[in-house]
Amino acid sequence: MASAISLEGQSIDVPETSVLALAGPRLEGLRRLARDGAIVLRIRGDCMAPRLCDGADVTVRAAAHYWPGDILACAPAGHPVAVHRLLGWRPQRWTRPWRDWRVWTQGDRTTMPDAPLAADRVLGKVEIAVGWRDRARAVRAFVHWLAVRGRERVARA
């Protein structure tokens, strides 16, 4: 979670109610700021520890492409901004794989992935070096959760 946003050296404390209401023009404004420059978010919580600890400031920039293992800042609907690791991308519906791609993220210290997010909910990538082991671990977790979802579908059918 993020509780403070820094723009051009000025830190803005964001009350929880404002973070929860991050949608529409506010979300688009933050995405535009990340595209045009950088935003700095303050980490709250320990779901990404020890890589990102509670109280750490991280710089977020939009990128042309996001790869498994990257650490993304996302704005899930009805939730605070989350800074979690990208596991992978998948279409919302396999019957129409060319539309509505979803982002799967997960905190490093959590056991379950987050709910899949629409690509337009991604603010940007945290500027931090990501090693090949982190990328391989993310891909492995993504394949695991795709298999779990597939087994659940077969069991329901």
C-alpha atoms as a PDB file:
ATOM      1  CA  MET A   1       0.000   0.000   0.000  1.00  0.00           C
ATOM      2  CA  ALA A   2       1.055   3.566  -0.507  1.00  0.00           C
ATOM      3  CA  SER A   3       0.084   6.453   1.745  1.00  0.00           C
ATOM      4  CA  ALA A   4       2.088   9.391   0.448  1.00  0.00           C
ATOM      5  CA  ILE A   5       2.726  10.606  -3.054  1.00  0.00           C
ATOM      6  CA  SER A   6       5.631  12.876  -3.970  1.00  0.00           C
ATOM      7  CA  LEU A   7       5.394  15.064  -7.044  1.00  0.00           C
ATOM      8  CA  GLU A   8       8.354  17.199  -8.098  1.00  0.00           C
ATOM      9  CA  GLY A   9       9.911  17.021  -4.644  1.00  0.00           C
ATOM     10  CA  GLN A  10       6.698  17.912  -2.797  1.00  0.00           C
ATOM     11  CA  SER A  11       5.259  15.145  -0.621  1.00  0.00           C
ATOM     12  CA  ILE A  12       1.495  14.884  -0.413  1.00  0.00           C
ATOM     13  CA  ASP A  13      -0.022  12.792   2.379  1.00  0.00           C
ATOM     14  CA  VAL A  14      -2.975  10.914   1.006  1.00  0.00           C
ATOM     15  CA  PRO A  15      -5.744  10.066   3.468  1.00  0.00           C
ATOM     16  CA  GLU A  16      -6.998   6.478   3.256  1.00  0.00           C
ATOM     17  CA  THR A  17     -10.382   7.665   1.942  1.00  0.00           C
ATOM     18  CA  SER A  18      -8.735   9.487  -0.966  1.00  0.00           C
ATOM     19  CA  VAL A  19      -6.607   6.486  -1.858  1.00  0.00           C
ATOM     20  CA  LEU A  20      -9.679   4.264  -1.850  1.00  0.00           C
ATOM     21  CA  ALA A  21     -11.434   6.688  -4.195  1.00  0.00           C
ATOM     22  CA  LEU A  22      -8.629   6.492  -6.779  1.00  0.00           C
ATOM     23  CA  ALA A  23     -10.624   6.149  -9.962  1.00  0.00           C
ATOM     24  CA  GLY A  24     -11.629   8.097 -13.037  1.00  0.00           C
ATOM     25  CA  PRO A  25      -9.835  11.450 -13.359  1.00  0.00           C
ATOM     26  CA  ARG A  26      -7.657  10.890 -10.274  1.00  0.00           C
ATOM     27  CA  LEU A  27      -6.381   7.557 -11.571  1.00  0.00           C
ATOM     28  CA  GLU A  28      -5.805   8.953 -15.055  1.00  0.00           C
ATOM     29  CA  GLY A  29      -3.972  11.948 -13.580  1.00  0.00           C
ATOM     30  CA  LEU A  30      -1.621   9.705 -11.628  1.00  0.00           C
ATOM     31  CA  ARG A  31      -1.029   7.504 -14.678  1.00  0.00           C
ATOM     32  CA  ARG A  32      -0.231  10.620 -16.734  1.00  0.00           C
ATOM     33  CA  LEU A  33       2.247  11.822 -14.093  1.00  0.00           C
ATOM     34  CA  ALA A  34       3.984   8.426 -14.135  1.00  0.00           C
ATOM     35  CA  ARG A  35       4.151   8.557 -17.950  1.00  0.00           C
ATOM     36  CA  ASP A  36       5.494  12.112 -18.088  1.00  0.00           C
ATOM     37  CA  GLY A  37       8.018  11.791 -15.284  1.00  0.00           C
ATOM     38  CA  ALA A  38       8.059   9.907 -12.037  1.00  0.00           C
ATOM     39  CA  ILE A  39       5.990   9.642  -8.899  1.00  0.00           C
ATOM     40  CA  VAL A  40       7.359   8.641  -5.519  1.00  0.00           C
ATOM     41  CA  LEU A  41       5.245   6.409  -3.307  1.00  0.00           C
ATOM     42  CA  ARG A  42       5.846   5.549   0.347  1.00  0.00           C
ATOM     43  CA  ILE A  43       5.439   1.846   1.100  1.00  0.00           C
ATOM     44  CA  ARG A  44       3.075   0.809   3.897  1.00  0.00           C
ATOM     45  CA  GLY A  45       3.082  -2.806   5.032  1.00  0.00           C
ATOM     46  CA  ASP A  46       5.521  -5.680   4.744  1.00  0.00           C
ATOM     47  CA  CYS A  47       4.138  -7.789   1.877  1.00  0.00           C
ATOM     48  CA  MET A  48       7.199  -6.954  -0.273  1.00  0.00           C
ATOM     49  CA  ALA A  49       9.806  -7.227   2.515  1.00  0.00           C
ATOM     50  CA  PRO A  50      12.728  -7.584   2.640  1.00  0.00           C
ATOM     51  CA  ARG A  51      13.005  -6.030  -0.863  1.00  0.00           C
ATOM     52  CA  LEU A  52      10.737  -3.073  -0.049  1.00  0.00           C
ATOM     53  CA  CYS A  53      10.232  -2.365   3.648  1.00  0.00           C
ATOM     54  CA  ASP A  54       7.539  -0.384   5.434  1.00  0.00           C
ATOM     55  CA  GLY A  55       8.267   3.347   5.140  1.00  0.00           C
ATOM     56  CA  ALA A  56      10.539   3.050   2.082  1.00  0.00           C
ATOM     57  CA  ASP A  57      10.069   5.577  -0.712  1.00  0.00           C
ATOM     58  CA  VAL A  58      10.000   4.132  -4.230  1.00  0.00           C
ATOM     59  CA  THR A  59      10.079   5.865  -7.600  1.00  0.00           C
ATOM     60  CA  VAL A  60       7.474   4.715 -10.115  1.00  0.00           C
ATOM     61  CA  ARG A  61       7.607   5.366 -13.867  1.00  0.00           C
ATOM     62  CA  ALA A  62       5.407   4.112 -16.652  1.00  0.00           C
ATOM     63  CA  ALA A  63       7.118   1.764 -19.117  1.00  0.00           C
ATOM     64  CA  ALA A  64       6.331   0.584 -22.619  1.00  0.00           C
ATOM     65  CA  HIS A  65       6.425  -3.055 -21.466  1.00  0.00           C
ATOM     66  CA  TYR A  66       6.171  -4.845 -18.139  1.00  0.00           C
ATOM     67  CA  TRP A  67       7.827  -8.231 -17.680  1.00  0.00           C
ATOM     68  CA  PRO A  68       7.216 -10.986 -15.131  1.00  0.00           C
ATOM     69  CA  GLY A  69       9.225 -10.180 -12.022  1.00  0.00           C
ATOM     70  CA  ASP A  70       8.876  -6.393 -12.375  1.00  0.00           C
ATOM     71  CA  ILE A  71       7.502  -4.631  -9.306  1.00  0.00           C
ATOM     72  CA  LEU A  72       4.446  -2.610 -10.300  1.00  0.00           C
ATOM     73  CA  ALA A  73       2.370   0.081  -8.651  1.00  0.00           C
ATOM     74  CA  CYS A  74      -1.289  -0.713  -9.329  1.00  0.00           C
ATOM     75  CA  ALA A  75      -4.566   0.860  -8.318  1.00  0.00           C
ATOM     76  CA  PRO A  76      -7.082  -1.949  -7.726  1.00  0.00           C
ATOM     77  CA  ALA A  77     -10.681  -0.708  -7.751  1.00  0.00           C
ATOM     78  CA  GLY A  78     -11.827   0.083  -4.207  1.00  0.00           C
ATOM     79  CA  HIS A  79      -8.392  -0.566  -2.656  1.00  0.00           C
ATOM     80  CA  PRO A  80      -5.272   1.475  -1.869  1.00  0.00           C
ATOM     81  CA  VAL A  81      -2.475   1.664  -4.404  1.00  0.00           C
ATOM     82  CA  ALA A  82      -0.564  -1.633  -4.207  1.00  0.00           C
ATOM     83  CA  VAL A  83       3.105  -2.225  -4.996  1.00  0.00           C
ATOM     84  CA  HIS A  84       3.424  -5.922  -5.912  1.00  0.00           C
ATOM     85  CA  ARG A  85       5.416  -8.177  -8.236  1.00  0.00           C
ATOM     86  CA  LEU A  86       4.054  -8.917 -11.717  1.00  0.00           C
ATOM     87  CA  LEU A  87       3.511 -12.639 -12.229  1.00  0.00           C
ATOM     88  CA  GLY A  88       2.163 -12.441 -15.757  1.00  0.00           C
ATOM     89  CA  TRP A  89      -0.558 -11.396 -18.164  1.00  0.00           C
ATOM     90  CA  ARG A  90      -3.582 -13.331 -19.371  1.00  0.00           C
ATOM     91  CA  PRO A  91      -6.748 -12.521 -21.298  1.00  0.00           C
ATOM     92  CA  GLN A  92      -9.902 -12.011 -19.263  1.00  0.00           C
ATOM     93  CA  ARG A  93     -11.661 -14.585 -21.447  1.00  0.00           C
ATOM     94  CA  TRP A  94      -9.831 -17.311 -23.334  1.00  0.00           C
ATOM     95  CA  THR A  95     -12.548 -17.256 -25.975  1.00  0.00           C
ATOM     96  CA  ARG A  96     -11.422 -13.721 -26.943  1.00  0.00           C
ATOM     97  CA  PRO A  97      -7.684 -13.674 -26.146  1.00  0.00           C
ATOM     98  CA  TRP A  98      -6.948 -10.559 -28.204  1.00  0.00           C
ATOM     99  CA  ARG A  99      -8.958  -8.265 -25.881  1.00  0.00           C
ATOM    100  CA  ASP A 100      -9.116  -7.289 -22.230  1.00  0.00           C
ATOM    101  CA  TRP A 101      -5.759  -8.485 -20.927  1.00  0.00           C
ATOM    102  CA  ARG A 102      -5.422  -8.780 -17.146  1.00  0.00           C
ATOM    103  CA  VAL A 103      -2.366  -8.332 -14.949  1.00  0.00           C
ATOM    104  CA  TRP A 104      -1.649 -10.873 -12.203  1.00  0.00           C
ATOM    105  CA  THR A 105       0.397  -9.561  -9.279  1.00  0.00           C
ATOM    106  CA  GLN A 106       1.373 -10.904  -5.884  1.00  0.00           C
ATOM    107  CA  GLY A 107       3.244  -9.612  -2.863  1.00  0.00           C
ATOM    108  CA  ASP A 108       6.520 -11.411  -2.184  1.00  0.00           C
ATOM    109  CA  ARG A 109       5.365 -12.433   1.304  1.00  0.00           C
ATOM    110  CA  THR A 110       1.810 -13.430   0.407  1.00  0.00           C
ATOM    111  CA  THR A 111       0.608 -16.923  -0.450  1.00  0.00           C
ATOM    112  CA  MET A 112      -2.085 -16.013  -2.976  1.00  0.00           C
ATOM    113  CA  PRO A 113      -2.018 -13.740  -6.027  1.00  0.00           C
ATOM    114  CA  ASP A 114      -4.089 -10.582  -6.137  1.00  0.00           C
ATOM    115  CA  ALA A 115      -7.291 -10.486  -8.154  1.00  0.00           C
ATOM    116  CA  PRO A 116      -6.455  -9.987 -11.850  1.00  0.00           C
ATOM    117  CA  LEU A 117      -6.421  -6.281 -12.771  1.00  0.00           C
ATOM    118  CA  ALA A 118      -7.257  -4.491 -15.989  1.00  0.00           C
ATOM    119  CA  ALA A 119      -4.086  -3.198 -17.661  1.00  0.00           C
ATOM    120  CA  ASP A 120      -5.262   0.407 -17.282  1.00  0.00           C
ATOM    121  CA  ARG A 121      -5.038   0.049 -13.466  1.00  0.00           C
ATOM    122  CA  VAL A 122      -1.211  -0.158 -13.659  1.00  0.00           C
ATOM    123  CA  LEU A 123       0.455   3.135 -12.727  1.00  0.00           C
ATOM    124  CA  GLY A 124       3.997   2.091 -13.563  1.00  0.00           C
ATOM    125  CA  LYS A 125       7.075   0.091 -12.629  1.00  0.00           C
ATOM    126  CA  VAL A 126       9.142   0.630  -9.493  1.00  0.00           C
ATOM    127  CA  GLU A 127      12.682   1.663 -10.406  1.00  0.00           C
ATOM    128  CA  ILE A 128      14.577  -1.181  -8.811  1.00  0.00           C
ATOM    129  CA  ALA A 129      16.864  -3.818 -10.298  1.00  0.00           C
ATOM    130  CA  VAL A 130      15.145  -7.164 -10.835  1.00  0.00           C
ATOM    131  CA  GLY A 131      17.317 -10.263 -11.179  1.00  0.00           C
ATOM    132  CA  TRP A 132      16.701 -13.321 -13.303  1.00  0.00           C
ATOM    133  CA  ARG A 133      15.824 -15.377 -10.184  1.00  0.00           C
ATOM    134  CA  ASP A 134      12.992 -12.982  -9.334  1.00  0.00           C
ATOM    135  CA  ARG A 135      11.728 -13.223 -12.918  1.00  0.00           C
ATOM    136  CA  ALA A 136      11.932 -17.028 -12.940  1.00  0.00           C
ATOM    137  CA  ARG A 137      10.119 -17.212  -9.585  1.00  0.00           C
ATOM    138  CA  ALA A 138       7.357 -14.949 -10.923  1.00  0.00           C
ATOM    139  CA  VAL A 139       6.889 -17.067 -14.059  1.00  0.00           C
ATOM    140  CA  ARG A 140       6.809 -20.255 -11.979  1.00  0.00           C
ATOM    141  CA  ALA A 141       4.157 -18.786  -9.661  1.00  0.00           C
ATOM    142  CA  PHE A 142       2.108 -17.605 -12.648  1.00  0.00           C
ATOM    143  CA  VAL A 143       2.162 -21.058 -14.288  1.00  0.00           C
ATOM    144  CA  HIS A 144       1.231 -22.612 -10.937  1.00  0.00           C
ATOM    145  CA  TRP A 145      -1.800 -20.354 -10.488  1.00  0.00           C
ATOM    146  CA  LEU A 146      -2.926 -20.872 -14.082  1.00  0.00           C
ATOM    147  CA  ALA A 147      -2.825 -24.637 -13.450  1.00  0.00           C
ATOM    148  CA  VAL A 148      -4.764 -24.239 -10.183  1.00  0.00           C
ATOM    149  CA  ARG A 149      -7.423 -22.172 -11.964  1.00  0.00           C
ATOM    150  CA  GLY A 150      -7.617 -24.780 -14.743  1.00  0.00           C
ATOM    151  CA  ARG A 151      -8.120 -27.621 -12.248  1.00  0.00           C
ATOM    152  CA  GLU A 152     -10.859 -25.628 -10.484  1.00  0.00           C
ATOM    153  CA  ARG A 153     -12.683 -25.150 -13.804  1.00  0.00           C
ATOM    154  CA  VAL A 154     -12.459 -28.841 -14.659  1.00  0.00           C
ATOM    155  CA  ALA A 155     -13.761 -29.785 -11.180  1.00  0.00           C
ATOM    156  CA  ARG A 156     -16.769 -27.460 -11.573  1.00  0.00           C
ATOM    157  CA  ALA A 157     -17.670 -28.785 -15.027  1.00  0.00           C
END
